[in-house]
């Protein structure tokens, strides 16, 4: 649980830093695109991991959770970028 909270805190801090003002409109648009890509990738990984966690048992459940997270992250990245 401690590791999960650390990851969430660092992710949130990274997003807040990325949302700062950019010197030019082009740089601001590039940042917004990067944030959208990151959000889609993380969202897809979370949803894919949650779906993968519903299947299997024992170590198979862990494998399916990881596979779901990877597949969801890939799909979210493809969709959002």
N, C-alpha and C. Protein backbone atom coordinates (compact mmCIF):
# COMPACT_ATOMS: atom_id res chain seq x y z
N UNK A 1 0.82 -1.18 0.00
CA UNK A 1 0.00 0.00 0.00
C UNK A 1 0.87 1.25 0.00
N UNK A 2 1.98 1.19 0.73
CA UNK A 2 2.88 2.33 0.80
C UNK A 2 3.49 2.63 -0.58
N UNK A 3 3.83 1.58 -1.30
CA UNK A 3 4.41 1.74 -2.64
C UNK A 3 3.38 2.37 -3.58
N UNK A 4 2.13 1.90 -3.48
CA UNK A 4 1.06 2.43 -4.32
C UNK A 4 0.88 3.93 -4.08
N UNK A 5 0.85 4.34 -2.84
CA UNK A 5 0.69 5.76 -2.53
C UNK A 5 1.87 6.58 -3.02
N UNK A 6 3.06 6.01 -2.96
CA UNK A 6 4.25 6.70 -3.45
C UNK A 6 4.15 6.90 -4.96
N UNK A 7 3.74 5.86 -5.68
CA UNK A 7 3.61 5.96 -7.13
C UNK A 7 2.55 6.99 -7.51
N UNK A 8 1.42 6.96 -6.83
CA UNK A 8 0.36 7.92 -7.12
C UNK A 8 0.84 9.35 -6.83
N UNK A 9 1.54 9.54 -5.73
CA UNK A 9 2.03 10.88 -5.38
C UNK A 9 3.03 11.39 -6.41
N UNK A 10 3.96 10.54 -6.82
CA UNK A 10 4.95 10.96 -7.81
C UNK A 10 4.31 11.22 -9.17
N UNK A 11 3.33 10.43 -9.54
CA UNK A 11 2.63 10.66 -10.80
C UNK A 11 1.90 11.98 -10.78
N UNK A 12 1.23 12.25 -9.68
CA UNK A 12 0.52 13.52 -9.55
C UNK A 12 1.46 14.70 -9.59
N UNK A 13 2.59 14.58 -8.93
CA UNK A 13 3.57 15.67 -8.94
C UNK A 13 4.11 15.90 -10.35
N UNK A 14 4.36 14.82 -11.07
CA UNK A 14 4.83 14.94 -12.44
C UNK A 14 3.83 15.62 -13.35
N UNK A 15 2.55 15.29 -13.16
CA UNK A 15 1.52 15.93 -13.96
C UNK A 15 1.39 17.41 -13.63
N UNK A 16 1.51 17.76 -12.36
CA UNK A 16 1.42 19.16 -11.98
C UNK A 16 2.58 19.98 -12.55
N UNK A 17 3.76 19.40 -12.55
CA UNK A 17 4.92 20.09 -13.12
C UNK A 17 4.74 20.29 -14.62
N UNK A 18 4.21 19.26 -15.29
CA UNK A 18 4.01 19.34 -16.73
C UNK A 18 2.95 20.35 -17.12
N UNK A 19 2.07 20.69 -16.21
CA UNK A 19 0.98 21.63 -16.51
C UNK A 19 1.39 23.08 -16.37
N UNK A 20 2.60 23.35 -16.01
CA UNK A 20 3.05 24.74 -15.85
C UNK A 20 3.05 25.47 -17.17
N UNK A 21 3.08 26.80 -17.13
CA UNK A 21 3.02 27.58 -18.37
C UNK A 21 4.28 27.37 -19.21
N UNK A 22 4.08 27.33 -20.50
CA UNK A 22 5.19 27.20 -21.44
C UNK A 22 5.47 28.56 -22.08
N UNK A 23 6.70 28.79 -22.50
CA UNK A 23 7.06 30.08 -23.08
C UNK A 23 6.31 30.41 -24.37
N UNK A 24 6.00 29.41 -25.19
CA UNK A 24 5.32 29.67 -26.46
C UNK A 24 4.06 28.81 -26.57
N UNK A 25 3.12 29.23 -27.40
CA UNK A 25 1.90 28.43 -27.59
C UNK A 25 2.19 27.03 -28.17
N UNK A 26 3.22 26.93 -29.02
CA UNK A 26 3.57 25.64 -29.59
C UNK A 26 4.07 24.68 -28.51
N UNK A 27 4.87 25.21 -27.59
CA UNK A 27 5.37 24.37 -26.50
C UNK A 27 4.23 23.97 -25.57
N UNK A 28 3.28 24.88 -25.35
CA UNK A 28 2.12 24.55 -24.51
C UNK A 28 1.29 23.46 -25.17
N UNK A 29 1.09 23.54 -26.48
CA UNK A 29 0.33 22.51 -27.19
C UNK A 29 1.05 21.16 -27.13
N UNK A 30 2.37 21.19 -27.22
CA UNK A 30 3.14 19.94 -27.14
C UNK A 30 3.01 19.33 -25.75
N UNK A 31 3.03 20.16 -24.71
CA UNK A 31 2.86 19.65 -23.34
C UNK A 31 1.49 19.04 -23.15
N UNK A 32 0.47 19.72 -23.66
CA UNK A 32 -0.89 19.20 -23.52
C UNK A 32 -1.04 17.86 -24.22
N UNK A 33 -0.39 17.70 -25.37
CA UNK A 33 -0.41 16.43 -26.08
C UNK A 33 0.29 15.34 -25.27
N UNK A 34 1.42 15.68 -24.69
CA UNK A 34 2.15 14.71 -23.86
C UNK A 34 1.33 14.28 -22.65
N UNK A 35 0.64 15.24 -22.03
CA UNK A 35 -0.20 14.92 -20.87
C UNK A 35 -1.34 14.01 -21.28
N UNK A 36 -1.94 14.27 -22.44
CA UNK A 36 -3.02 13.42 -22.93
C UNK A 36 -2.50 12.01 -23.20
N UNK A 37 -1.33 11.90 -23.78
CA UNK A 37 -0.75 10.57 -24.04
C UNK A 37 -0.47 9.84 -22.74
N UNK A 38 0.09 10.53 -21.77
CA UNK A 38 0.40 9.92 -20.48
C UNK A 38 -0.88 9.49 -19.78
N UNK A 39 -1.89 10.35 -19.80
CA UNK A 39 -3.16 10.02 -19.16
C UNK A 39 -3.82 8.81 -19.80
N UNK A 40 -3.80 8.74 -21.12
CA UNK A 40 -4.38 7.59 -21.82
C UNK A 40 -3.63 6.31 -21.52
N UNK A 41 -2.31 6.39 -21.47
CA UNK A 41 -1.50 5.21 -21.19
C UNK A 41 -1.73 4.71 -19.77
N UNK A 42 -1.70 5.62 -18.79
CA UNK A 42 -1.91 5.22 -17.40
C UNK A 42 -3.33 4.73 -17.16
N UNK A 43 -4.30 5.41 -17.75
CA UNK A 43 -5.68 4.98 -17.61
C UNK A 43 -5.92 3.61 -18.21
N UNK A 44 -5.37 3.38 -19.38
CA UNK A 44 -5.50 2.07 -20.03
C UNK A 44 -4.83 0.98 -19.22
N UNK A 45 -3.66 1.28 -18.66
CA UNK A 45 -2.96 0.29 -17.84
C UNK A 45 -3.76 -0.06 -16.58
N UNK A 46 -4.34 0.95 -15.95
CA UNK A 46 -5.14 0.69 -14.75
C UNK A 46 -6.37 -0.15 -15.08
N UNK A 47 -7.07 0.20 -16.13
CA UNK A 47 -8.26 -0.55 -16.51
C UNK A 47 -7.89 -1.96 -16.96
N UNK A 48 -6.84 -2.09 -17.76
CA UNK A 48 -6.40 -3.41 -18.21
C UNK A 48 -5.96 -4.29 -17.06
N UNK A 49 -5.25 -3.71 -16.10
CA UNK A 49 -4.82 -4.47 -14.92
C UNK A 49 -6.00 -4.91 -14.09
N UNK A 50 -7.01 -4.04 -13.95
CA UNK A 50 -8.20 -4.40 -13.18
C UNK A 50 -8.97 -5.53 -13.86
N UNK A 51 -9.07 -5.48 -15.17
CA UNK A 51 -9.76 -6.55 -15.90
C UNK A 51 -8.96 -7.84 -15.82
N UNK A 52 -7.65 -7.77 -16.02
CA UNK A 52 -6.81 -8.97 -15.95
C UNK A 52 -6.83 -9.60 -14.57
N UNK A 53 -7.01 -8.80 -13.54
CA UNK A 53 -7.03 -9.30 -12.17
C UNK A 53 -8.28 -10.14 -11.88
N UNK A 54 -9.29 -10.04 -12.71
CA UNK A 54 -10.53 -10.78 -12.50
C UNK A 54 -10.41 -12.25 -12.91
N UNK A 55 -9.35 -12.61 -13.59
CA UNK A 55 -9.20 -13.96 -14.12
C UNK A 55 -8.03 -14.67 -13.46
N UNK A 56 -8.04 -15.98 -13.52
CA UNK A 56 -6.95 -16.81 -13.02
C UNK A 56 -6.94 -16.93 -11.51
N UNK A 57 -5.92 -17.62 -11.03
CA UNK A 57 -5.74 -17.82 -9.61
C UNK A 57 -4.28 -18.04 -9.30
N UNK A 58 -3.85 -17.72 -8.11
CA UNK A 58 -2.45 -17.90 -7.71
C UNK A 58 -1.53 -17.02 -8.52
N UNK A 59 -0.44 -17.61 -9.02
CA UNK A 59 0.51 -16.84 -9.82
C UNK A 59 -0.06 -16.51 -11.20
N UNK A 60 -1.03 -17.31 -11.66
CA UNK A 60 -1.68 -17.02 -12.93
C UNK A 60 -2.43 -15.70 -12.87
N UNK A 61 -2.99 -15.39 -11.72
CA UNK A 61 -3.70 -14.12 -11.54
C UNK A 61 -2.72 -12.96 -11.67
N UNK A 62 -1.54 -13.11 -11.08
CA UNK A 62 -0.52 -12.06 -11.18
C UNK A 62 -0.08 -11.86 -12.62
N UNK A 63 0.10 -12.95 -13.34
CA UNK A 63 0.53 -12.88 -14.74
C UNK A 63 -0.54 -12.20 -15.58
N UNK A 64 -1.80 -12.58 -15.37
CA UNK A 64 -2.88 -11.98 -16.14
C UNK A 64 -3.08 -10.51 -15.79
N UNK A 65 -2.86 -10.15 -14.53
CA UNK A 65 -2.94 -8.74 -14.14
C UNK A 65 -1.87 -7.93 -14.86
N UNK A 66 -0.65 -8.43 -14.86
CA UNK A 66 0.45 -7.74 -15.54
C UNK A 66 0.21 -7.67 -17.05
N UNK A 67 -0.25 -8.77 -17.63
CA UNK A 67 -0.53 -8.77 -19.07
C UNK A 67 -1.65 -7.80 -19.40
N UNK A 68 -2.68 -7.75 -18.56
CA UNK A 68 -3.76 -6.80 -18.78
C UNK A 68 -3.29 -5.37 -18.68
N UNK A 69 -2.40 -5.09 -17.73
CA UNK A 69 -1.87 -3.74 -17.57
C UNK A 69 -1.04 -3.34 -18.78
N UNK A 70 -0.23 -4.26 -19.28
CA UNK A 70 0.59 -3.96 -20.46
C UNK A 70 -0.30 -3.74 -21.68
N UNK A 71 -1.25 -4.64 -21.89
CA UNK A 71 -2.14 -4.51 -23.04
C UNK A 71 -2.99 -3.24 -22.94
N UNK A 72 -3.50 -2.95 -21.74
CA UNK A 72 -4.29 -1.74 -21.56
C UNK A 72 -3.47 -0.48 -21.75
N UNK A 73 -2.25 -0.48 -21.26
CA UNK A 73 -1.37 0.67 -21.45
C UNK A 73 -1.05 0.90 -22.92
N UNK A 74 -0.82 -0.18 -23.62
CA UNK A 74 -0.55 -0.08 -25.06
C UNK A 74 -1.77 0.45 -25.81
N UNK A 75 -2.93 -0.11 -25.48
CA UNK A 75 -4.16 0.35 -26.14
C UNK A 75 -4.49 1.80 -25.81
N UNK A 76 -4.31 2.18 -24.54
CA UNK A 76 -4.57 3.55 -24.15
C UNK A 76 -3.62 4.52 -24.82
N UNK A 77 -2.39 4.12 -25.00
CA UNK A 77 -1.40 4.97 -25.66
C UNK A 77 -1.73 5.11 -27.13
N UNK A 78 -2.13 4.03 -27.76
CA UNK A 78 -2.48 4.07 -29.19
C UNK A 78 -3.71 4.93 -29.42
N UNK A 79 -4.67 4.86 -28.49
CA UNK A 79 -5.91 5.61 -28.65
C UNK A 79 -5.71 7.10 -28.37
N UNK A 80 -4.92 7.44 -27.38
CA UNK A 80 -4.81 8.84 -26.96
C UNK A 80 -3.73 9.63 -27.71
N UNK A 81 -2.79 8.96 -28.34
CA UNK A 81 -1.71 9.70 -29.00
C UNK A 81 -1.91 9.79 -30.47
